[in-house]
C-alpha atoms as a PDB file:
ATOM      1  CA  UNK A   1      68.943 123.392  51.436  1.00  0.00           C
ATOM      2  CA  UNK A   2      68.394 120.136  53.298  1.00  0.00           C
ATOM      3  CA  UNK A   3      68.922 119.918  57.035  1.00  0.00           C
ATOM      4  CA  UNK A   4      72.547 119.328  58.002  1.00  0.00           C
ATOM      5  CA  UNK A   5      73.913 115.829  57.597  1.00  0.00           C
ATOM      6  CA  UNK A   6      75.176 113.823  60.561  1.00  0.00           C
ATOM      7  CA  UNK A   7      78.794 112.707  60.874  1.00  0.00           C
ATOM      8  CA  UNK A   8      78.891 109.316  62.604  1.00  0.00           C
ATOM      9  CA  UNK A   9      82.403 109.854  63.929  1.00  0.00           C
ATOM     10  CA  UNK A  10      83.940 111.441  66.997  1.00  0.00           C
ATOM     11  CA  UNK A  11      87.269 112.026  65.215  1.00  0.00           C
ATOM     12  CA  UNK A  12      88.369 115.628  65.818  1.00  0.00           C
ATOM     13  CA  UNK A  13      90.390 115.516  62.598  1.00  0.00           C
ATOM     14  CA  UNK A  14      87.391 114.571  60.460  1.00  0.00           C
ATOM     15  CA  UNK A  15      85.270 117.178  62.221  1.00  0.00           C
ATOM     16  CA  UNK A  16      87.874 119.918  61.706  1.00  0.00           C
ATOM     17  CA  UNK A  17      88.220 118.973  58.034  1.00  0.00           C
ATOM     18  CA  UNK A  18      84.485 119.412  57.458  1.00  0.00           C
ATOM     19  CA  UNK A  19      84.370 122.664  59.444  1.00  0.00           C
ATOM     20  CA  UNK A  20      87.285 124.043  57.398  1.00  0.00           C
ATOM     21  CA  UNK A  21      85.392 123.156  54.217  1.00  0.00           C
ATOM     22  CA  UNK A  22      82.488 125.339  55.394  1.00  0.00           C
ATOM     23  CA  UNK A  23      80.006 122.496  55.866  1.00  0.00           C
ATOM     24  CA  UNK A  24      77.125 122.472  58.332  1.00  0.00           C
ATOM     25  CA  UNK A  25      76.684 119.145  60.095  1.00  0.00           C
ATOM     26  CA  UNK A  26      76.042 117.463  63.411  1.00  0.00           C
ATOM     27  CA  UNK A  27      78.233 114.876  65.141  1.00  0.00           C
ATOM     28  CA  UNK A  28      76.855 111.685  66.659  1.00  0.00           C
ATOM     29  CA  UNK A  29      79.340 108.984  67.542  1.00  0.00           C
ATOM     30  CA  UNK A  30      78.429 105.484  66.379  1.00  0.00           C
ATOM     31  CA  UNK A  31      78.197 102.762  69.022  1.00  0.00           C
ATOM     32  CA  UNK A  32      79.501 100.086  66.650  1.00  0.00           C
ATOM     33  CA  UNK A  33      81.800  97.308  67.868  1.00  0.00           C
ATOM     34  CA  UNK A  34      84.291  97.303  64.995  1.00  0.00           C
ATOM     35  CA  UNK A  35      86.007  94.089  66.067  1.00  0.00           C
ATOM     36  CA  UNK A  36      82.631  92.302  66.211  1.00  0.00           C
ATOM     37  CA  UNK A  37      81.830  93.479  62.673  1.00  0.00           C
ATOM     38  CA  UNK A  38      85.237  92.269  61.479  1.00  0.00           C
ATOM     39  CA  UNK A  39      84.734  88.912  63.186  1.00  0.00           C
ATOM     40  CA  UNK A  40      81.485  88.488  61.249  1.00  0.00           C
ATOM     41  CA  UNK A  41      83.251  88.849  57.898  1.00  0.00           C
ATOM     42  CA  UNK A  42      86.453  87.032  58.794  1.00  0.00           C
ATOM     43  CA  UNK A  43      87.421  84.437  56.212  1.00  0.00           C
ATOM     44  CA  UNK A  44      85.274  86.016  53.499  1.00  0.00           C
ATOM     45  CA  UNK A  45      88.361  86.903  51.454  1.00  0.00           C
ATOM     46  CA  UNK A  46      87.561  90.610  51.402  1.00  0.00           C
ATOM     47  CA  UNK A  47      90.090  93.255  50.391  1.00  0.00           C
ATOM     48  CA  UNK A  48      91.104  95.891  52.984  1.00  0.00           C
ATOM     49  CA  UNK A  49      89.152  98.584  51.127  1.00  0.00           C
ATOM     50  CA  UNK A  50      86.031  96.434  51.216  1.00  0.00           C
ATOM     51  CA  UNK A  51      86.455  95.900  54.960  1.00  0.00           C
ATOM     52  CA  UNK A  52      86.843  99.662  55.504  1.00  0.00           C
ATOM     53  CA  UNK A  53      83.617 100.213  53.531  1.00  0.00           C
ATOM     54  CA  UNK A  54      81.704  97.617  55.567  1.00  0.00           C
ATOM     55  CA  UNK A  55      82.882  99.228  58.819  1.00  0.00           C
ATOM     56  CA  UNK A  56      81.991 102.737  57.618  1.00  0.00           C
ATOM     57  CA  UNK A  57      78.539 101.542  56.560  1.00  0.00           C
ATOM     58  CA  UNK A  58      77.948  99.789  59.894  1.00  0.00           C
ATOM     59  CA  UNK A  59      78.718 103.028  61.752  1.00  0.00           C
ATOM     60  CA  UNK A  60      76.444 105.086  59.528  1.00  0.00           C
ATOM     61  CA  UNK A  61      73.593 102.579  59.854  1.00  0.00           C
ATOM     62  CA  UNK A  62      73.951 102.567  63.642  1.00  0.00           C
ATOM     63  CA  UNK A  63      73.447 106.344  63.796  1.00  0.00           C
ATOM     64  CA  UNK A  64      70.832 106.332  61.030  1.00  0.00           C
ATOM     65  CA  UNK A  65      68.589 104.024  63.063  1.00  0.00           C
ATOM     66  CA  UNK A  66      68.206 106.838  65.611  1.00  0.00           C
ATOM     67  CA  UNK A  67      67.707 109.600  63.024  1.00  0.00           C
ATOM     68  CA  UNK A  68      64.850 108.863  60.626  1.00  0.00           C
ATOM     69  CA  UNK A  69      65.064 110.640  57.290  1.00  0.00           C
ATOM     70  CA  UNK A  70      68.485 112.155  57.962  1.00  0.00           C
ATOM     71  CA  UNK A  71      71.605 111.763  55.832  1.00  0.00           C
ATOM     72  CA  UNK A  72      74.324 110.081  57.894  1.00  0.00           C
ATOM     73  CA  UNK A  73      77.976 109.900  56.869  1.00  0.00           C
ATOM     74  CA  UNK A  74      80.054 107.004  58.203  1.00  0.00           C
ATOM     75  CA  UNK A  75      83.828 106.727  57.842  1.00  0.00           C
ATOM     76  CA  UNK A  76      86.457 104.144  58.558  1.00  0.00           C
ATOM     77  CA  UNK A  77      90.107 103.631  57.779  1.00  0.00           C
ATOM     78  CA  UNK A  78      91.991 100.352  57.465  1.00  0.00           C
ATOM     79  CA  UNK A  79      95.785 100.065  57.446  1.00  0.00           C
ATOM     80  CA  UNK A  80      97.218  97.140  55.515  1.00  0.00           C
ATOM     81  CA  UNK A  81     100.833  95.991  55.469  1.00  0.00           C
ATOM     82  CA  UNK A  82     101.528  93.265  52.907  1.00  0.00           C
ATOM     83  CA  UNK A  83      97.802  92.481  52.930  1.00  0.00           C
ATOM     84  CA  UNK A  84      97.619  92.126  56.727  1.00  0.00           C
ATOM     85  CA  UNK A  85      95.198  94.455  58.477  1.00  0.00           C
ATOM     86  CA  UNK A  86      96.611  96.237  61.517  1.00  0.00           C
ATOM     87  CA  UNK A  87      94.528  97.781  64.312  1.00  0.00           C
ATOM     88  CA  UNK A  88      95.110 100.670  66.693  1.00  0.00           C
ATOM     89  CA  UNK A  89      97.746 100.084  69.340  1.00  0.00           C
ATOM     90  CA  UNK A  90      96.572  99.740  72.930  1.00  0.00           C
ATOM     91  CA  UNK A  91      99.709 101.130  74.586  1.00  0.00           C
ATOM     92  CA  UNK A  92     103.009 102.850  73.848  1.00  0.00           C
ATOM     93  CA  UNK A  93     104.967  99.599  73.672  1.00  0.00           C
ATOM     94  CA  UNK A  94     102.665  98.383  70.916  1.00  0.00           C
ATOM     95  CA  UNK A  95     103.120 101.749  69.197  1.00  0.00           C
ATOM     96  CA  UNK A  96     106.902 101.309  69.335  1.00  0.00           C
ATOM     97  CA  UNK A  97     106.618  97.839  67.794  1.00  0.00           C
ATOM     98  CA  UNK A  98     104.190  99.153  65.150  1.00  0.00           C
ATOM     99  CA  UNK A  99     106.637 101.830  63.993  1.00  0.00           C
ATOM    100  CA  UNK A 100     109.451  99.256  63.926  1.00  0.00           C
ATOM    101  CA  UNK A 101     107.260  97.025  61.732  1.00  0.00           C
ATOM    102  CA  UNK A 102     106.411  99.887  59.343  1.00  0.00           C
ATOM    103  CA  UNK A 103     109.996 101.214  59.182  1.00  0.00           C
ATOM    104  CA  UNK A 104     111.452 101.130  55.682  1.00  0.00           C
ATOM    105  CA  UNK A 105     108.280  99.648  54.180  1.00  0.00           C
ATOM    106  CA  UNK A 106     105.208 100.799  52.269  1.00  0.00           C
ATOM    107  CA  UNK A 107     101.781 100.353  53.805  1.00  0.00           C
ATOM    108  CA  UNK A 108      98.321 101.305  52.549  1.00  0.00           C
ATOM    109  CA  UNK A 109      95.664 103.423  54.189  1.00  0.00           C
ATOM    110  CA  UNK A 110      92.206 102.589  52.848  1.00  0.00           C
ATOM    111  CA  UNK A 111      89.716 105.331  53.764  1.00  0.00           C
ATOM    112  CA  UNK A 112      86.057 104.559  53.174  1.00  0.00           C
ATOM    113  CA  UNK A 113      83.050 106.795  53.399  1.00  0.00           C
ATOM    114  CA  UNK A 114      79.406 105.721  53.172  1.00  0.00           C
ATOM    115  CA  UNK A 115      76.235 107.826  53.109  1.00  0.00           C
ATOM    116  CA  UNK A 116      73.153 106.230  54.649  1.00  0.00           C
ATOM    117  CA  UNK A 117      69.503 107.322  54.812  1.00  0.00           C
ATOM    118  CA  UNK A 118      66.994 105.358  56.899  1.00  0.00           C
ATOM    119  CA  UNK A 119      69.396 102.452  57.280  1.00  0.00           C
ATOM    120  CA  UNK A 120      70.080 102.101  53.540  1.00  0.00           C
ATOM    121  CA  UNK A 121      73.363 103.018  51.845  1.00  0.00           C
ATOM    122  CA  UNK A 122      72.881 105.769  49.259  1.00  0.00           C
ATOM    123  CA  UNK A 123      76.550 106.137  48.269  1.00  0.00           C
ATOM    124  CA  UNK A 124      79.897 104.499  48.948  1.00  0.00           C
ATOM    125  CA  UNK A 125      83.476 105.515  48.186  1.00  0.00           C
ATOM    126  CA  UNK A 126      86.940 104.287  49.149  1.00  0.00           C
ATOM    127  CA  UNK A 127      90.314 105.935  48.473  1.00  0.00           C
ATOM    128  CA  UNK A 128      93.766 104.495  49.101  1.00  0.00           C
ATOM    129  CA  UNK A 129      97.057 106.181  50.013  1.00  0.00           C
ATOM    130  CA  UNK A 130     100.425 104.440  49.773  1.00  0.00           C
ATOM    131  CA  UNK A 131     102.658 105.448  52.666  1.00  0.00           C
ATOM    132  CA  UNK A 132     106.395 104.731  52.481  1.00  0.00           C
ATOM    133  CA  UNK A 133     108.119 105.125  55.824  1.00  0.00           C
ATOM    134  CA  UNK A 134     111.836 105.822  55.937  1.00  0.00           C
ATOM    135  CA  UNK A 135     114.163 103.488  57.810  1.00  0.00           C
ATOM    136  CA  UNK A 136     113.895 104.414  61.464  1.00  0.00           C
ATOM    137  CA  UNK A 137     116.471 103.681  64.130  1.00  0.00           C
ATOM    138  CA  UNK A 138     114.951 102.188  67.310  1.00  0.00           C
ATOM    139  CA  UNK A 139     116.423 105.030  69.381  1.00  0.00           C
ATOM    140  CA  UNK A 140     114.766 107.597  67.110  1.00  0.00           C
ATOM    141  CA  UNK A 141     111.419 105.837  67.447  1.00  0.00           C
ATOM    142  CA  UNK A 142     111.763 106.025  71.246  1.00  0.00           C
ATOM    143  CA  UNK A 143     112.515 109.743  71.147  1.00  0.00           C
ATOM    144  CA  UNK A 144     109.716 110.395  68.661  1.00  0.00           C
ATOM    145  CA  UNK A 145     107.126 108.617  70.821  1.00  0.00           C
ATOM    146  CA  UNK A 146     108.378 110.403  73.934  1.00  0.00           C
ATOM    147  CA  UNK A 147     107.742 113.734  72.190  1.00  0.00           C
ATOM    148  CA  UNK A 148     104.383 112.886  70.630  1.00  0.00           C
ATOM    149  CA  UNK A 149     102.921 110.948  73.565  1.00  0.00           C
ATOM    150  CA  UNK A 150      99.801 108.827  73.786  1.00  0.00           C
ATOM    151  CA  UNK A 151      97.878 110.783  71.165  1.00  0.00           C
ATOM    152  CA  UNK A 152      99.507 108.451  68.591  1.00  0.00           C
ATOM    153  CA  UNK A 153      97.308 105.661  70.012  1.00  0.00           C
ATOM    154  CA  UNK A 154      94.359 107.314  68.255  1.00  0.00           C
ATOM    155  CA  UNK A 155      95.895 106.456  64.878  1.00  0.00           C
ATOM    156  CA  UNK A 156      96.049 102.948  63.437  1.00  0.00           C
ATOM    157  CA  UNK A 157      99.605 103.571  62.251  1.00  0.00           C
ATOM    158  CA  UNK A 158     100.774 104.987  65.594  1.00  0.00           C
ATOM    159  CA  UNK A 159     101.615 108.272  63.889  1.00  0.00           C
ATOM    160  CA  UNK A 160      99.813 111.526  63.158  1.00  0.00           C
ATOM    161  CA  UNK A 161     100.662 112.772  59.700  1.00  0.00           C
ATOM    162  CA  UNK A 162      99.177 116.193  60.463  1.00  0.00           C
ATOM    163  CA  UNK A 163     101.838 116.621  63.165  1.00  0.00           C
ATOM    164  CA  UNK A 164     105.389 115.424  63.783  1.00  0.00           C
ATOM    165  CA  UNK A 165     104.516 112.043  62.274  1.00  0.00           C
ATOM    166  CA  UNK A 166     105.165 113.492  58.807  1.00  0.00           C
ATOM    167  CA  UNK A 167     108.885 113.261  59.621  1.00  0.00           C
ATOM    168  CA  UNK A 168     108.649 109.457  59.546  1.00  0.00           C
ATOM    169  CA  UNK A 169     108.034 109.286  55.799  1.00  0.00           C
ATOM    170  CA  UNK A 170     110.082 109.219  52.603  1.00  0.00           C
ATOM    171  CA  UNK A 171     107.160 109.179  50.189  1.00  0.00           C
ATOM    172  CA  UNK A 172     103.376 109.505  50.255  1.00  0.00           C
ATOM    173  CA  UNK A 173     101.156 108.711  47.277  1.00  0.00           C
ATOM    174  CA  UNK A 174      97.608 109.821  48.026  1.00  0.00           C
ATOM    175  CA  UNK A 175      95.742 112.951  49.035  1.00  0.00           C
ATOM    176  CA  UNK A 176      95.813 114.490  52.494  1.00  0.00           C
ATOM    177  CA  UNK A 177      92.109 113.888  53.101  1.00  0.00           C
ATOM    178  CA  UNK A 178      92.432 110.151  52.479  1.00  0.00           C
ATOM    179  CA  UNK A 179      95.351 109.975  54.907  1.00  0.00           C
ATOM    180  CA  UNK A 180      93.384 111.778  57.626  1.00  0.00           C
ATOM    181  CA  UNK A 181      90.507 109.337  57.099  1.00  0.00           C
ATOM    182  CA  UNK A 182      87.812 111.128  55.089  1.00  0.00           C
ATOM    183  CA  UNK A 183      88.034 111.398  51.259  1.00  0.00           C
ATOM    184  CA  UNK A 184      86.683 114.934  51.170  1.00  0.00           C
ATOM    185  CA  UNK A 185      86.497 115.761  47.453  1.00  0.00           C
ATOM    186  CA  UNK A 186      84.293 112.767  46.532  1.00  0.00           C
ATOM    187  CA  UNK A 187      82.068 113.584  49.535  1.00  0.00           C
ATOM    188  CA  UNK A 188      81.674 117.199  48.409  1.00  0.00           C
ATOM    189  CA  UNK A 189      80.720 116.023  44.901  1.00  0.00           C
ATOM    190  CA  UNK A 190      78.094 113.677  46.368  1.00  0.00           C
ATOM    191  CA  UNK A 191      76.663 116.403  48.618  1.00  0.00           C
ATOM    192  CA  UNK A 192      76.405 118.787  45.662  1.00  0.00           C
ATOM    193  CA  UNK A 193      74.695 116.162  43.507  1.00  0.00           C
ATOM    194  CA  UNK A 194      71.926 115.650  46.058  1.00  0.00           C
ATOM    195  CA  UNK A 195      71.533 119.374  46.755  1.00  0.00           C
ATOM    196  CA  UNK A 196      72.860 119.066  50.278  1.00  0.00           C
ATOM    197  CA  UNK A 197      75.328 121.906  49.656  1.00  0.00           C
ATOM    198  CA  UNK A 198      75.395 124.775  47.172  1.00  0.00           C
ATOM    199  CA  UNK A 199      76.667 123.731  43.735  1.00  0.00           C
END
């Protein structure tokens, strides 16, 4: 077996997903300025999934540059509503407005994953989930955010589907791993193909 791969993400949800799958890996958070990367590709006419892939690759390359010869896995997730890309909320008022904007509408979560070795991408994948939120009364949104607290600020949609946030939805088309931000089954297939894990 090869030495453990490196996950270029500090997300506890991604880490827990990989631990639950029985994988051995290390965690090293990327130091990438995501907004700077996005600014560099602004106006290029890229689709949200392509932007998620570029961001995931930038994170993996950043960590790869400090880990010669190691396999580094970078991830990123982009939320799009009617083609507009939305970013994480900075405070609870923004979170309230985000949920009001998503209420009664379908948005897309594009989750990209890129494997990098010595600064070069060896594999890329992106999966998309369609998330249809039920119509939410403003008063309900206030109560929901009061219960869930500032941890929702860690999610681009201002909800955590693995917790009480699941109550916000009428319909979800897409797998759980994509929604959490790491398409796990394609990653496992890639790791098996390169002998990183037992096949």
